[in-house]
Amino acid sequence: MALFTLVCRDKPGALDARMAARADHLAFVDGYGAAVKLAGPFLSDDGGMIGSLLVLDLEDRAAADAFVAGDPYRKAGVFASVDVFPFKVTRGAIG
């Protein structure tokens, strides 16, 4: 198993699409159970959702790419970009 970060940036004006896909996205993320170490939205200065950050403990890069491909937010066209990075914790802890 290895940690991967997903840095997802919303397209401008994607809030309606995000909200329409939110329940499906949350159910999809929940389906990964304990593999989800951290997840939540990036916020603008005024508190609006503008992207997502996820830290996942997955088998390999192919599994991370499969997560991205299956995410209802991606399927709904919410994201302008999704960057996937291997991640190593050097301070703090992820349970």
C-alpha atoms as a PDB file:
ATOM      1  CA  MET A   1       0.000   0.000   0.000  1.00  0.00           C
ATOM      2  CA  ALA A   2       1.113   3.546  -0.661  1.00  0.00           C
ATOM      3  CA  LEU A   3      -0.222   7.024  -0.018  1.00  0.00           C
ATOM      4  CA  PHE A   4      -1.368   9.194  -2.915  1.00  0.00           C
ATOM      5  CA  THR A   5      -2.627  12.760  -2.858  1.00  0.00           C
ATOM      6  CA  LEU A   6      -5.223  13.926  -5.326  1.00  0.00           C
ATOM      7  CA  VAL A   7      -5.243  17.678  -5.875  1.00  0.00           C
ATOM      8  CA  CYS A   8      -8.419  18.530  -7.754  1.00  0.00           C
ATOM      9  CA  ARG A   9      -9.171  22.035  -8.986  1.00  0.00           C
ATOM     10  CA  ASP A  10     -12.702  22.954 -10.007  1.00  0.00           C
ATOM     11  CA  LYS A  11     -13.529  24.624 -13.283  1.00  0.00           C
ATOM     12  CA  PRO A  12     -14.707  28.221 -12.869  1.00  0.00           C
ATOM     13  CA  GLY A  13     -18.458  28.224 -12.342  1.00  0.00           C
ATOM     14  CA  ALA A  14     -18.575  24.503 -11.452  1.00  0.00           C
ATOM     15  CA  LEU A  15     -20.403  24.908  -8.146  1.00  0.00           C
ATOM     16  CA  ASP A  16     -23.806  23.861  -9.532  1.00  0.00           C
ATOM     17  CA  ALA A  17     -22.300  20.706 -11.096  1.00  0.00           C
ATOM     18  CA  ARG A  18     -20.402  20.008  -7.856  1.00  0.00           C
ATOM     19  CA  MET A  19     -23.541  20.284  -5.758  1.00  0.00           C
ATOM     20  CA  ALA A  20     -25.563  18.126  -8.175  1.00  0.00           C
ATOM     21  CA  ALA A  21     -22.920  15.349  -7.987  1.00  0.00           C
ATOM     22  CA  ARG A  22     -22.069  15.787  -4.289  1.00  0.00           C
ATOM     23  CA  ALA A  23     -24.135  12.914  -2.855  1.00  0.00           C
ATOM     24  CA  ASP A  24     -22.787  10.487  -5.467  1.00  0.00           C
ATOM     25  CA  HIS A  25     -19.222  11.737  -4.887  1.00  0.00           C
ATOM     26  CA  LEU A  26     -19.494  11.306  -1.112  1.00  0.00           C
ATOM     27  CA  ALA A  27     -20.932   7.794  -1.506  1.00  0.00           C
ATOM     28  CA  PHE A  28     -18.111   6.933  -3.938  1.00  0.00           C
ATOM     29  CA  VAL A  29     -15.458   8.187  -1.505  1.00  0.00           C
ATOM     30  CA  ASP A  30     -17.137   6.373   1.402  1.00  0.00           C
ATOM     31  CA  GLY A  31     -16.965   3.177  -0.651  1.00  0.00           C
ATOM     32  CA  TYR A  32     -13.185   3.241  -0.296  1.00  0.00           C
ATOM     33  CA  GLY A  33     -13.517   2.898   3.484  1.00  0.00           C
ATOM     34  CA  ALA A  34     -10.279   2.989   5.466  1.00  0.00           C
ATOM     35  CA  ALA A  35      -8.234   3.708   2.314  1.00  0.00           C
ATOM     36  CA  VAL A  36      -9.446   7.320   2.599  1.00  0.00           C
ATOM     37  CA  LYS A  37      -7.066   8.932   5.057  1.00  0.00           C
ATOM     38  CA  LEU A  38      -8.127  12.540   4.500  1.00  0.00           C
ATOM     39  CA  ALA A  39     -10.622  14.209   2.181  1.00  0.00           C
ATOM     40  CA  GLY A  40     -12.308  17.562   1.845  1.00  0.00           C
ATOM     41  CA  PRO A  41     -12.849  20.632  -0.296  1.00  0.00           C
ATOM     42  CA  PHE A  42     -10.481  23.494  -0.982  1.00  0.00           C
ATOM     43  CA  LEU A  43     -12.170  26.774  -0.086  1.00  0.00           C
ATOM     44  CA  SER A  44     -11.950  30.232  -1.594  1.00  0.00           C
ATOM     45  CA  ASP A  45     -11.321  33.215   0.673  1.00  0.00           C
ATOM     46  CA  ASP A  46     -15.097  33.669   0.970  1.00  0.00           C
ATOM     47  CA  GLY A  47     -15.675  30.021   1.909  1.00  0.00           C
ATOM     48  CA  GLY A  48     -16.882  28.661  -1.420  1.00  0.00           C
ATOM     49  CA  MET A  49     -15.778  25.199  -2.572  1.00  0.00           C
ATOM     50  CA  ILE A  50     -13.192  25.425  -5.364  1.00  0.00           C
ATOM     51  CA  GLY A  51     -11.592  21.988  -5.442  1.00  0.00           C
ATOM     52  CA  SER A  52     -10.787  18.894  -3.444  1.00  0.00           C
ATOM     53  CA  LEU A  53      -7.879  17.279  -1.633  1.00  0.00           C
ATOM     54  CA  LEU A  54      -7.802  13.566  -0.944  1.00  0.00           C
ATOM     55  CA  VAL A  55      -5.117  11.427   0.646  1.00  0.00           C
ATOM     56  CA  LEU A  56      -5.649   7.768  -0.178  1.00  0.00           C
ATOM     57  CA  ASP A  57      -3.807   4.613   0.871  1.00  0.00           C
ATOM     58  CA  LEU A  58      -3.965   2.485  -2.267  1.00  0.00           C
ATOM     59  CA  GLU A  59      -2.165  -0.456  -3.823  1.00  0.00           C
ATOM     60  CA  ASP A  60      -0.439   1.512  -6.578  1.00  0.00           C
ATOM     61  CA  ARG A  61      -0.663   4.403  -9.042  1.00  0.00           C
ATOM     62  CA  ALA A  62      -3.062   2.432 -11.224  1.00  0.00           C
ATOM     63  CA  ALA A  63      -5.503   2.243  -8.304  1.00  0.00           C
ATOM     64  CA  ALA A  64      -5.194   6.011  -7.784  1.00  0.00           C
ATOM     65  CA  ASP A  65      -5.872   6.595 -11.467  1.00  0.00           C
ATOM     66  CA  ALA A  66      -8.895   4.274 -11.270  1.00  0.00           C
ATOM     67  CA  PHE A  67     -10.231   6.318  -8.342  1.00  0.00           C
ATOM     68  CA  VAL A  68      -9.921   9.512 -10.398  1.00  0.00           C
ATOM     69  CA  ALA A  69     -11.623   7.911 -13.403  1.00  0.00           C
ATOM     70  CA  GLY A  70     -14.557   6.706 -11.293  1.00  0.00           C
ATOM     71  CA  ASP A  71     -15.125   9.870  -9.263  1.00  0.00           C
ATOM     72  CA  PRO A  72     -18.598  11.285  -9.925  1.00  0.00           C
ATOM     73  CA  TYR A  73     -17.177  14.831  -9.757  1.00  0.00           C
ATOM     74  CA  ARG A  74     -14.851  14.029 -12.655  1.00  0.00           C
ATOM     75  CA  LYS A  75     -17.676  12.377 -14.564  1.00  0.00           C
ATOM     76  CA  ALA A  76     -19.868  15.477 -13.994  1.00  0.00           C
ATOM     77  CA  GLY A  77     -17.168  17.757 -15.407  1.00  0.00           C
ATOM     78  CA  VAL A  78     -16.487  19.555 -12.114  1.00  0.00           C
ATOM     79  CA  PHE A  79     -12.693  19.439 -12.292  1.00  0.00           C
ATOM     80  CA  ALA A  80     -10.456  21.587 -14.473  1.00  0.00           C
ATOM     81  CA  SER A  81      -7.520  19.422 -13.406  1.00  0.00           C
ATOM     82  CA  VAL A  82      -6.611  16.507 -11.172  1.00  0.00           C
ATOM     83  CA  ASP A  83      -3.007  15.953 -10.150  1.00  0.00           C
ATOM     84  CA  VAL A  84      -2.022  12.675  -8.499  1.00  0.00           C
ATOM     85  CA  PHE A  85       1.160  12.539  -6.441  1.00  0.00           C
ATOM     86  CA  PRO A  86       2.747   9.778  -4.382  1.00  0.00           C
ATOM     87  CA  PHE A  87       2.946  11.065  -0.813  1.00  0.00           C
ATOM     88  CA  LYS A  88       5.172  10.382   2.175  1.00  0.00           C
ATOM     89  CA  VAL A  89       4.288  11.541   5.695  1.00  0.00           C
ATOM     90  CA  THR A  90       7.295  13.093   7.432  1.00  0.00           C
ATOM     91  CA  ARG A  91       5.491  15.030  10.185  1.00  0.00           C
ATOM     92  CA  GLY A  92       2.229  14.360  11.938  1.00  0.00           C
ATOM     93  CA  ALA A  93       0.250  11.214  11.403  1.00  0.00           C
ATOM     94  CA  ILE A  94      -2.475   9.848   9.196  1.00  0.00           C
ATOM     95  CA  GLY A  95      -4.518   7.186  10.965  1.00  0.00           C
END
